[in-house]
Each structure stands twice: as C-alpha cells, then as structure tokens.
C-alpha atoms as a PDB file:
ATOM      1  CA  UNK A   1     126.647  52.231  50.227  1.00  0.00           C
ATOM      2  CA  UNK A   2     128.863  53.126  53.175  1.00  0.00           C
ATOM      3  CA  UNK A   3     132.559  52.271  53.440  1.00  0.00           C
ATOM      4  CA  UNK A   4     132.970  51.368  57.106  1.00  0.00           C
ATOM      5  CA  UNK A   5     136.678  50.484  56.879  1.00  0.00           C
ATOM      6  CA  UNK A   6     139.289  50.379  54.148  1.00  0.00           C
ATOM      7  CA  UNK A   7     142.855  49.406  54.996  1.00  0.00           C
ATOM      8  CA  UNK A   8     144.768  48.435  51.875  1.00  0.00           C
ATOM      9  CA  UNK A   9     147.704  46.025  52.176  1.00  0.00           C
ATOM     10  CA  UNK A  10     151.175  47.508  52.233  1.00  0.00           C
ATOM     11  CA  UNK A  11     153.549  44.629  51.566  1.00  0.00           C
ATOM     12  CA  UNK A  12     156.436  43.593  49.373  1.00  0.00           C
ATOM     13  CA  UNK A  13     155.294  42.615  45.867  1.00  0.00           C
ATOM     14  CA  UNK A  14     157.085  39.276  46.264  1.00  0.00           C
ATOM     15  CA  UNK A  15     154.733  38.222  49.072  1.00  0.00           C
ATOM     16  CA  UNK A  16     151.793  36.096  47.962  1.00  0.00           C
ATOM     17  CA  UNK A  17     148.480  37.535  49.051  1.00  0.00           C
ATOM     18  CA  UNK A  18     145.153  35.757  49.478  1.00  0.00           C
ATOM     19  CA  UNK A  19     141.643  37.152  49.571  1.00  0.00           C
ATOM     20  CA  UNK A  20     138.604  36.105  51.560  1.00  0.00           C
ATOM     21  CA  UNK A  21     135.309  37.905  51.019  1.00  0.00           C
ATOM     22  CA  UNK A  22     132.172  37.478  53.118  1.00  0.00           C
ATOM     23  CA  UNK A  23     129.023  38.505  51.255  1.00  0.00           C
ATOM     24  CA  UNK A  24     125.794  38.928  53.215  1.00  0.00           C
ATOM     25  CA  UNK A  25     122.364  40.498  52.916  1.00  0.00           C
ATOM     26  CA  UNK A  26     123.512  44.051  53.666  1.00  0.00           C
ATOM     27  CA  UNK A  27     127.232  43.695  54.400  1.00  0.00           C
ATOM     28  CA  UNK A  28     130.302  42.646  52.478  1.00  0.00           C
ATOM     29  CA  UNK A  29     133.832  42.465  53.847  1.00  0.00           C
ATOM     30  CA  UNK A  30     137.198  41.656  52.304  1.00  0.00           C
ATOM     31  CA  UNK A  31     140.122  40.242  54.278  1.00  0.00           C
ATOM     32  CA  UNK A  32     143.544  40.224  52.636  1.00  0.00           C
ATOM     33  CA  UNK A  33     146.183  37.993  54.191  1.00  0.00           C
ATOM     34  CA  UNK A  34     149.440  36.146  53.622  1.00  0.00           C
ATOM     35  CA  UNK A  35     150.161  32.603  54.739  1.00  0.00           C
ATOM     36  CA  UNK A  36     152.763  30.556  56.601  1.00  0.00           C
ATOM     37  CA  UNK A  37     152.174  32.015  59.090  1.00  0.00           C
ATOM     38  CA  UNK A  38     148.757  33.539  58.640  1.00  0.00           C
ATOM     39  CA  UNK A  39     149.139  37.323  58.688  1.00  0.00           C
ATOM     40  CA  UNK A  40     146.369  39.885  58.207  1.00  0.00           C
ATOM     41  CA  UNK A  41     147.486  42.470  55.652  1.00  0.00           C
ATOM     42  CA  UNK A  42     144.328  44.430  54.783  1.00  0.00           C
ATOM     43  CA  UNK A  43     140.621  44.784  55.485  1.00  0.00           C
ATOM     44  CA  UNK A  44     137.692  46.453  53.775  1.00  0.00           C
ATOM     45  CA  UNK A  45     134.073  46.529  54.948  1.00  0.00           C
ATOM     46  CA  UNK A  46     131.038  47.890  53.077  1.00  0.00           C
ATOM     47  CA  UNK A  47     127.523  48.400  54.420  1.00  0.00           C
ATOM     48  CA  UNK A  48     124.292  48.780  52.481  1.00  0.00           C
ATOM     49  CA  UNK A  49     120.894  50.047  53.531  1.00  0.00           C
ATOM     50  CA  UNK A  50     118.569  47.580  55.216  1.00  0.00           C
ATOM     51  CA  UNK A  51     116.362  45.619  52.811  1.00  0.00           C
ATOM     52  CA  UNK A  52     118.265  47.007  49.843  1.00  0.00           C
ATOM     53  CA  UNK A  53     117.006  46.167  46.364  1.00  0.00           C
ATOM     54  CA  UNK A  54     119.184  43.301  45.019  1.00  0.00           C
ATOM     55  CA  UNK A  55     119.742  45.085  41.693  1.00  0.00           C
ATOM     56  CA  UNK A  56     121.018  48.231  43.445  1.00  0.00           C
ATOM     57  CA  UNK A  57     123.200  46.102  45.779  1.00  0.00           C
ATOM     58  CA  UNK A  58     124.692  44.378  42.750  1.00  0.00           C
ATOM     59  CA  UNK A  59     125.334  47.569  40.751  1.00  0.00           C
ATOM     60  CA  UNK A  60     126.871  49.460  43.700  1.00  0.00           C
ATOM     61  CA  UNK A  61     129.145  46.556  44.642  1.00  0.00           C
ATOM     62  CA  UNK A  62     130.206  46.001  41.034  1.00  0.00           C
ATOM     63  CA  UNK A  63     131.079  49.666  40.598  1.00  0.00           C
ATOM     64  CA  UNK A  64     133.112  49.777  43.814  1.00  0.00           C
ATOM     65  CA  UNK A  65     135.081  46.603  43.130  1.00  0.00           C
ATOM     66  CA  UNK A  66     135.869  47.518  39.540  1.00  0.00           C
ATOM     67  CA  UNK A  67     137.237  50.870  40.743  1.00  0.00           C
ATOM     68  CA  UNK A  68     139.275  49.362  43.617  1.00  0.00           C
ATOM     69  CA  UNK A  69     142.544  48.027  42.130  1.00  0.00           C
ATOM     70  CA  UNK A  70     143.612  46.370  45.391  1.00  0.00           C
ATOM     71  CA  UNK A  71     140.632  43.968  45.053  1.00  0.00           C
ATOM     72  CA  UNK A  72     141.365  42.762  41.518  1.00  0.00           C
ATOM     73  CA  UNK A  73     142.030  39.064  41.014  1.00  0.00           C
ATOM     74  CA  UNK A  74     145.552  39.487  39.602  1.00  0.00           C
ATOM     75  CA  UNK A  75     146.721  40.509  43.086  1.00  0.00           C
ATOM     76  CA  UNK A  76     145.880  37.197  44.761  1.00  0.00           C
ATOM     77  CA  UNK A  77     147.157  33.638  44.756  1.00  0.00           C
ATOM     78  CA  UNK A  78     143.811  32.346  46.010  1.00  0.00           C
ATOM     79  CA  UNK A  79     140.325  33.790  46.438  1.00  0.00           C
ATOM     80  CA  UNK A  80     137.517  32.441  48.649  1.00  0.00           C
ATOM     81  CA  UNK A  81     134.009  33.860  48.570  1.00  0.00           C
ATOM     82  CA  UNK A  82     132.060  33.083  51.745  1.00  0.00           C
ATOM     83  CA  UNK A  83     128.370  33.714  51.208  1.00  0.00           C
ATOM     84  CA  UNK A  84     126.555  34.697  54.377  1.00  0.00           C
ATOM     85  CA  UNK A  85     122.990  35.235  53.209  1.00  0.00           C
ATOM     86  CA  UNK A  86     120.328  34.505  55.811  1.00  0.00           C
ATOM     87  CA  UNK A  87     118.428  32.271  53.362  1.00  0.00           C
ATOM     88  CA  UNK A  88     120.257  29.309  54.837  1.00  0.00           C
ATOM     89  CA  UNK A  89     119.259  26.294  56.921  1.00  0.00           C
ATOM     90  CA  UNK A  90     120.961  23.240  58.370  1.00  0.00           C
ATOM     91  CA  UNK A  91     119.557  19.786  57.632  1.00  0.00           C
ATOM     92  CA  UNK A  92     120.641  16.572  59.424  1.00  0.00           C
ATOM     93  CA  UNK A  93     122.380  14.327  56.935  1.00  0.00           C
ATOM     94  CA  UNK A  94     119.934  11.454  57.392  1.00  0.00           C
ATOM     95  CA  UNK A  95     117.023  13.674  56.321  1.00  0.00           C
ATOM     96  CA  UNK A  96     118.714  15.412  53.412  1.00  0.00           C
ATOM     97  CA  UNK A  97     117.571  14.736  49.823  1.00  0.00           C
ATOM     98  CA  UNK A  98     119.460  16.690  47.182  1.00  0.00           C
ATOM     99  CA  UNK A  99     116.501  17.011  44.804  1.00  0.00           C
ATOM    100  CA  UNK A 100     114.451  18.681  47.525  1.00  0.00           C
ATOM    101  CA  UNK A 101     116.876  21.423  48.599  1.00  0.00           C
ATOM    102  CA  UNK A 102     115.004  24.117  46.636  1.00  0.00           C
ATOM    103  CA  UNK A 103     111.722  23.003  48.190  1.00  0.00           C
ATOM    104  CA  UNK A 104     113.255  23.225  51.679  1.00  0.00           C
ATOM    105  CA  UNK A 105     114.226  26.863  51.159  1.00  0.00           C
ATOM    106  CA  UNK A 106     110.907  27.726  49.537  1.00  0.00           C
ATOM    107  CA  UNK A 107     109.121  26.342  52.589  1.00  0.00           C
ATOM    108  CA  UNK A 108     111.217  28.371  55.025  1.00  0.00           C
ATOM    109  CA  UNK A 109     111.617  31.549  52.995  1.00  0.00           C
ATOM    110  CA  UNK A 110     109.792  33.426  50.262  1.00  0.00           C
ATOM    111  CA  UNK A 111     110.142  31.585  46.907  1.00  0.00           C
ATOM    112  CA  UNK A 112     112.501  33.521  44.666  1.00  0.00           C
ATOM    113  CA  UNK A 113     113.399  32.377  41.156  1.00  0.00           C
ATOM    114  CA  UNK A 114     116.180  34.975  40.946  1.00  0.00           C
ATOM    115  CA  UNK A 115     118.282  32.982  43.425  1.00  0.00           C
ATOM    116  CA  UNK A 116     120.346  29.859  42.951  1.00  0.00           C
ATOM    117  CA  UNK A 117     120.401  27.070  45.533  1.00  0.00           C
ATOM    118  CA  UNK A 118     123.454  25.250  46.905  1.00  0.00           C
ATOM    119  CA  UNK A 119     124.232  22.600  49.487  1.00  0.00           C
ATOM    120  CA  UNK A 120     127.447  21.600  51.178  1.00  0.00           C
ATOM    121  CA  UNK A 121     128.586  19.341  53.969  1.00  0.00           C
ATOM    122  CA  UNK A 122     129.652  20.852  57.274  1.00  0.00           C
ATOM    123  CA  UNK A 123     132.985  19.513  58.462  1.00  0.00           C
ATOM    124  CA  UNK A 124     132.904  17.433  61.667  1.00  0.00           C
ATOM    125  CA  UNK A 125     129.097  17.636  61.688  1.00  0.00           C
ATOM    126  CA  UNK A 126     126.601  15.221  60.137  1.00  0.00           C
ATOM    127  CA  UNK A 127     124.825  18.200  58.637  1.00  0.00           C
ATOM    128  CA  UNK A 128     124.104  19.668  55.229  1.00  0.00           C
ATOM    129  CA  UNK A 129     123.998  23.430  54.833  1.00  0.00           C
ATOM    130  CA  UNK A 130     121.340  24.419  52.295  1.00  0.00           C
ATOM    131  CA  UNK A 131     121.397  28.034  51.129  1.00  0.00           C
ATOM    132  CA  UNK A 132     120.600  30.344  48.250  1.00  0.00           C
ATOM    133  CA  UNK A 133     122.431  33.231  46.619  1.00  0.00           C
ATOM    134  CA  UNK A 134     121.213  35.880  44.157  1.00  0.00           C
ATOM    135  CA  UNK A 135     121.980  34.345  40.774  1.00  0.00           C
ATOM    136  CA  UNK A 136     123.180  37.582  39.187  1.00  0.00           C
ATOM    137  CA  UNK A 137     125.568  38.253  42.073  1.00  0.00           C
ATOM    138  CA  UNK A 138     126.962  34.709  42.002  1.00  0.00           C
ATOM    139  CA  UNK A 139     127.508  34.922  38.245  1.00  0.00           C
ATOM    140  CA  UNK A 140     129.248  38.275  38.570  1.00  0.00           C
ATOM    141  CA  UNK A 141     131.651  37.002  41.256  1.00  0.00           C
ATOM    142  CA  UNK A 142     132.382  34.009  39.026  1.00  0.00           C
ATOM    143  CA  UNK A 143     133.316  36.371  36.203  1.00  0.00           C
ATOM    144  CA  UNK A 144     135.250  38.858  38.342  1.00  0.00           C
ATOM    145  CA  UNK A 145     137.150  36.140  40.237  1.00  0.00           C
ATOM    146  CA  UNK A 146     137.349  33.199  37.778  1.00  0.00           C
ATOM    147  CA  UNK A 147     139.557  31.075  40.057  1.00  0.00           C
ATOM    148  CA  UNK A 148     137.597  31.680  43.260  1.00  0.00           C
ATOM    149  CA  UNK A 149     136.110  29.045  45.544  1.00  0.00           C
ATOM    150  CA  UNK A 150     132.589  29.453  46.931  1.00  0.00           C
ATOM    151  CA  UNK A 151     131.362  28.332  50.354  1.00  0.00           C
ATOM    152  CA  UNK A 152     128.891  29.455  53.001  1.00  0.00           C
ATOM    153  CA  UNK A 153     130.329  30.945  56.205  1.00  0.00           C
ATOM    154  CA  UNK A 154     128.169  28.797  58.468  1.00  0.00           C
ATOM    155  CA  UNK A 155     129.664  25.583  57.133  1.00  0.00           C
ATOM    156  CA  UNK A 156     132.986  26.467  58.783  1.00  0.00           C
ATOM    157  CA  UNK A 157     131.684  28.450  61.754  1.00  0.00           C
ATOM    158  CA  UNK A 158     129.969  25.489  63.408  1.00  0.00           C
ATOM    159  CA  UNK A 159     133.108  23.411  63.851  1.00  0.00           C
ATOM    160  CA  UNK A 160     135.534  23.369  66.778  1.00  0.00           C
ATOM    161  CA  UNK A 161     133.251  25.368  69.056  1.00  0.00           C
ATOM    162  CA  UNK A 162     133.286  25.225  72.843  1.00  0.00           C
ATOM    163  CA  UNK A 163     130.527  23.666  74.917  1.00  0.00           C
ATOM    164  CA  UNK A 164     127.778  25.924  76.294  1.00  0.00           C
ATOM    165  CA  UNK A 165     128.991  29.036  74.511  1.00  0.00           C
ATOM    166  CA  UNK A 166     126.936  31.658  72.717  1.00  0.00           C
ATOM    167  CA  UNK A 167     128.705  33.202  69.718  1.00  0.00           C
ATOM    168  CA  UNK A 168     127.403  36.486  68.315  1.00  0.00           C
ATOM    169  CA  UNK A 169     128.719  38.221  65.196  1.00  0.00           C
ATOM    170  CA  UNK A 170     127.560  41.827  64.978  1.00  0.00           C
ATOM    171  CA  UNK A 171     126.975  43.288  61.528  1.00  0.00           C
ATOM    172  CA  UNK A 172     125.696  46.714  60.542  1.00  0.00           C
ATOM    173  CA  UNK A 173     121.980  45.914  60.923  1.00  0.00           C
ATOM    174  CA  UNK A 174     121.894  42.237  61.876  1.00  0.00           C
ATOM    175  CA  UNK A 175     123.539  39.680  64.127  1.00  0.00           C
ATOM    176  CA  UNK A 176     124.401  36.050  63.566  1.00  0.00           C
ATOM    177  CA  UNK A 177     123.987  33.763  66.573  1.00  0.00           C
ATOM    178  CA  UNK A 178     125.622  30.345  66.952  1.00  0.00           C
ATOM    179  CA  UNK A 179     124.929  28.450  70.162  1.00  0.00           C
ATOM    180  CA  UNK A 180     126.444  25.226  71.461  1.00  0.00           C
ATOM    181  CA  UNK A 181     125.198  23.474  74.604  1.00  0.00           C
ATOM    182  CA  UNK A 182     126.846  20.363  76.027  1.00  0.00           C
ATOM    183  CA  UNK A 183     128.996  20.012  72.892  1.00  0.00           C
ATOM    184  CA  UNK A 184     125.912  19.982  70.657  1.00  0.00           C
ATOM    185  CA  UNK A 185     124.971  22.635  68.136  1.00  0.00           C
ATOM    186  CA  UNK A 186     121.613  24.099  69.107  1.00  0.00           C
ATOM    187  CA  UNK A 187     120.986  26.998  66.762  1.00  0.00           C
ATOM    188  CA  UNK A 188     122.384  29.130  63.940  1.00  0.00           C
ATOM    189  CA  UNK A 189     120.163  32.097  63.255  1.00  0.00           C
ATOM    190  CA  UNK A 190     120.230  35.646  61.901  1.00  0.00           C
ATOM    191  CA  UNK A 191     118.333  38.477  63.603  1.00  0.00           C
ATOM    192  CA  UNK A 192     117.761  42.034  62.421  1.00  0.00           C
ATOM    193  CA  UNK A 193     118.237  44.847  64.922  1.00  0.00           C
ATOM    194  CA  UNK A 194     117.833  48.599  65.206  1.00  0.00           C
ATOM    195  CA  UNK A 195     118.887  49.286  68.802  1.00  0.00           C
ATOM    196  CA  UNK A 196     121.155  47.580  71.381  1.00  0.00           C
ATOM    197  CA  UNK A 197     117.994  46.517  73.203  1.00  0.00           C
ATOM    198  CA  UNK A 198     116.977  44.491  70.149  1.00  0.00           C
ATOM    199  CA  UNK A 199     120.222  42.494  70.289  1.00  0.00           C
ATOM    200  CA  UNK A 200     119.846  41.908  74.029  1.00  0.00           C
ATOM    201  CA  UNK A 201     116.320  40.661  73.466  1.00  0.00           C
ATOM    202  CA  UNK A 202     117.381  38.153  70.806  1.00  0.00           C
ATOM    203  CA  UNK A 203     120.296  36.799  72.862  1.00  0.00           C
ATOM    204  CA  UNK A 204     118.223  36.551  76.037  1.00  0.00           C
ATOM    205  CA  UNK A 205     115.514  34.779  74.063  1.00  0.00           C
ATOM    206  CA  UNK A 206     118.028  32.196  72.818  1.00  0.00           C
ATOM    207  CA  UNK A 207     119.202  31.584  76.391  1.00  0.00           C
ATOM    208  CA  UNK A 208     115.615  31.143  77.581  1.00  0.00           C
ATOM    209  CA  UNK A 209     114.699  28.796  74.727  1.00  0.00           C
ATOM    210  CA  UNK A 210     117.541  26.464  75.668  1.00  0.00           C
ATOM    211  CA  UNK A 211     117.096  26.773  79.424  1.00  0.00           C
ATOM    212  CA  UNK A 212     120.395  28.494  80.215  1.00  0.00           C
ATOM    213  CA  UNK A 213     120.768  31.359  82.697  1.00  0.00           C
ATOM    214  CA  UNK A 214     122.366  34.352  80.908  1.00  0.00           C
ATOM    215  CA  UNK A 215     124.562  35.103  83.924  1.00  0.00           C
ATOM    216  CA  UNK A 216     126.060  31.601  83.667  1.00  0.00           C
ATOM    217  CA  UNK A 217     126.526  31.652  79.904  1.00  0.00           C
ATOM    218  CA  UNK A 218     129.749  32.475  78.099  1.00  0.00           C
ATOM    219  CA  UNK A 219     129.112  35.076  75.388  1.00  0.00           C
ATOM    220  CA  UNK A 220     131.806  35.546  72.734  1.00  0.00           C
ATOM    221  CA  UNK A 221     131.484  38.521  70.404  1.00  0.00           C
ATOM    222  CA  UNK A 222     133.016  39.595  67.126  1.00  0.00           C
ATOM    223  CA  UNK A 223     132.220  42.135  64.445  1.00  0.00           C
ATOM    224  CA  UNK A 224     131.137  45.750  64.797  1.00  0.00           C
ATOM    225  CA  UNK A 225     131.063  46.169  68.576  1.00  0.00           C
ATOM    226  CA  UNK A 226     133.419  47.909  70.971  1.00  0.00           C
ATOM    227  CA  UNK A 227     133.949  47.656  74.727  1.00  0.00           C
ATOM    228  CA  UNK A 228     132.948  51.304  75.158  1.00  0.00           C
ATOM    229  CA  UNK A 229     129.783  51.024  73.081  1.00  0.00           C
ATOM    230  CA  UNK A 230     126.232  51.236  74.390  1.00  0.00           C
ATOM    231  CA  UNK A 231     125.658  47.740  73.033  1.00  0.00           C
ATOM    232  CA  UNK A 232     128.475  46.222  75.091  1.00  0.00           C
ATOM    233  CA  UNK A 233     127.308  47.995  78.239  1.00  0.00           C
ATOM    234  CA  UNK A 234     123.746  46.813  77.646  1.00  0.00           C
ATOM    235  CA  UNK A 235     124.841  43.209  77.150  1.00  0.00           C
ATOM    236  CA  UNK A 236     126.941  43.286  80.317  1.00  0.00           C
ATOM    237  CA  UNK A 237     123.798  43.923  82.359  1.00  0.00           C
ATOM    238  CA  UNK A 238     122.681  40.358  81.591  1.00  0.00           C
ATOM    239  CA  UNK A 239     125.760  38.400  80.471  1.00  0.00           C
ATOM    240  CA  UNK A 240     128.567  38.475  83.027  1.00  0.00           C
ATOM    241  CA  UNK A 241     131.003  36.306  81.072  1.00  0.00           C
ATOM    242  CA  UNK A 242     131.641  38.333  77.918  1.00  0.00           C
ATOM    243  CA  UNK A 243     134.697  38.195  75.712  1.00  0.00           C
ATOM    244  CA  UNK A 244     135.841  38.579  72.140  1.00  0.00           C
ATOM    245  CA  UNK A 245     136.641  35.591  69.972  1.00  0.00           C
ATOM    246  CA  UNK A 246     140.320  35.035  69.227  1.00  0.00           C
ATOM    247  CA  UNK A 247     142.087  32.985  66.563  1.00  0.00           C
ATOM    248  CA  UNK A 248     145.485  31.850  67.828  1.00  0.00           C
ATOM    249  CA  UNK A 249     148.580  31.763  65.658  1.00  0.00           C
ATOM    250  CA  UNK A 250     147.656  34.857  63.609  1.00  0.00           C
ATOM    251  CA  UNK A 251     149.801  37.976  63.269  1.00  0.00           C
ATOM    252  CA  UNK A 252     148.688  41.460  62.248  1.00  0.00           C
ATOM    253  CA  UNK A 253     150.566  43.768  59.868  1.00  0.00           C
ATOM    254  CA  UNK A 254     151.637  47.206  61.088  1.00  0.00           C
ATOM    255  CA  UNK A 255     149.054  49.071  59.010  1.00  0.00           C
ATOM    256  CA  UNK A 256     146.286  47.080  60.749  1.00  0.00           C
ATOM    257  CA  UNK A 257     147.474  47.642  64.329  1.00  0.00           C
ATOM    258  CA  UNK A 258     145.097  50.482  65.236  1.00  0.00           C
ATOM    259  CA  UNK A 259     141.952  48.526  64.312  1.00  0.00           C
ATOM    260  CA  UNK A 260     140.571  46.168  67.012  1.00  0.00           C
ATOM    261  CA  UNK A 261     141.090  42.606  65.815  1.00  0.00           C
ATOM    262  CA  UNK A 262     137.597  41.473  66.810  1.00  0.00           C
ATOM    263  CA  UNK A 263     136.143  43.772  64.117  1.00  0.00           C
ATOM    264  CA  UNK A 264     137.277  41.211  61.533  1.00  0.00           C
ATOM    265  CA  UNK A 265     137.961  38.144  63.703  1.00  0.00           C
ATOM    266  CA  UNK A 266     135.033  36.185  62.217  1.00  0.00           C
ATOM    267  CA  UNK A 267     136.788  36.587  58.860  1.00  0.00           C
ATOM    268  CA  UNK A 268     140.161  35.650  60.321  1.00  0.00           C
ATOM    269  CA  UNK A 269     138.637  32.405  61.617  1.00  0.00           C
ATOM    270  CA  UNK A 270     137.316  31.623  58.131  1.00  0.00           C
ATOM    271  CA  UNK A 271     140.715  32.386  56.597  1.00  0.00           C
ATOM    272  CA  UNK A 272     142.371  30.153  59.196  1.00  0.00           C
ATOM    273  CA  UNK A 273     140.020  27.315  58.273  1.00  0.00           C
ATOM    274  CA  UNK A 274     141.242  27.583  54.675  1.00  0.00           C
ATOM    275  CA  UNK A 275     144.918  28.111  55.568  1.00  0.00           C
END
C-alpha cells in the first residue's frame, strides 16, 4: 500500500466535519469537509498494487484506518462511502428487473460469490446502476462506520453534465471515462493503463466510437494528473480543448492550499451532491 497524499484537517473542534470516502479496485480516497458553505478540510489517498488480492486489500486498509485517528467515526457528523468498483453497469429503467441484477453482473463479469450486489437509481436519468462490492469489505465498513450511507460514485457523476464533453478521472493505474454527446450519456467505462500512451489510446478510441473529432472535443480531467506531466503533454497532442473540472461554491482550507484542487475534485463533486 502506498500513501499518495495525507493532509489531516486542522480546524476548531466546534466545527462539524463530514467524511466522504471513494473505494475502488486499487484506490481509496478520503475527503474531509465542513458544510454551509462547503469547505475542504483534509484529504487522504491510498494506492494498492494492480490486481491486488482482495484479502490483502482488506487487511491493509483495515490496519491503516484503525491506526489513523483522524478517520474514526466519532470525528464526523456524517459519513458517505462511495463505492467505485469497475464491476458496475448501467441499465435503462424499462429493462431493469431487480431479481436479475446478479445475473446481469455475472454475464458481464466473472461470477464471484464473495461479492454482494446492489442497485440504485441515478438521479435525473431513467437508469439503474447495478454494481457489486466485496462482501467482506462492505461488512467491515458497516462495522467501522455504523451510521454511514453507501452509494456508487457513478450514480452521481452522470448528472448535470455538459453536452459533448469527455470526462476523465485519472487514478493510480486506471481511468474512468464518462462521455456525453448532444446531452445524452453515451458511455461510462473503466480502463486500465500503464503508460500515458495507453490513456490516449482509450480516449481516442471513445471519440472514434462515437464519431467525434478529438480536436473538436472538450476534455475535462480530474484526479492524479498535472499540467507538467507527460500524460498531459501527450493528451494535448490530440485534444486541443483540455481543462480541469471545477465545482463552484467550494472553499479550500489553508492546509490544503498547496495541493492542486483537481487532484480531489471528483470527490469534491460527490461531496457537493450530498451537501
């Protein structure tokens, strides 16, 4: 396990803090914030090796969180766990049958009896998000954060998006792509990568599949990417309209000022949706 970032909150004890965690296949991040207005107070990001054994993932995460007092439930007025596992698919509401959600995932992914299946409605979309989570990990979060709420990140990331925009969230060894064309959601998909060229290939492939010229497409980035990185320079060869996603109406605490906001903006957007 690698600790990519750890900025603990430094606030008055009388201020109510809230926690949002995003838990994915090889990444987990924690965003600590206060409300009214929404203010980012702390951020922690952990990376695991690619294709990590679920039992090792679970044990390493459990050990870290138990030994990190700033993450304990007594510190927070509310806790939201956003699962972001790639074993997820979107189903149009008219075709969704609750009793068949496990079968849908088994058809698309490798059957796995160690996982538990969920479904939830996506706001402002006539879509059901069907996904699975390692059962042991879900049970442990339930025990560690008894009052927490559970959702899937995608369910809130596909609302209020701009037309003909390609959104890309960069994680340690994968990206998450969300593409809207003519106000219609076209795709939500995860891709593994090793090099910047891999990411370029996946994004160019999405543009080609939906008949959009990369040079004409707006690409909005968030996550682990920097303007001076090889990845950004590689993307700029093909995508001329590149920017970083921004959530308006959010302030940043002083101890967070040195960290680029787009590193955790995808979490800020999720926190804003629950604000």
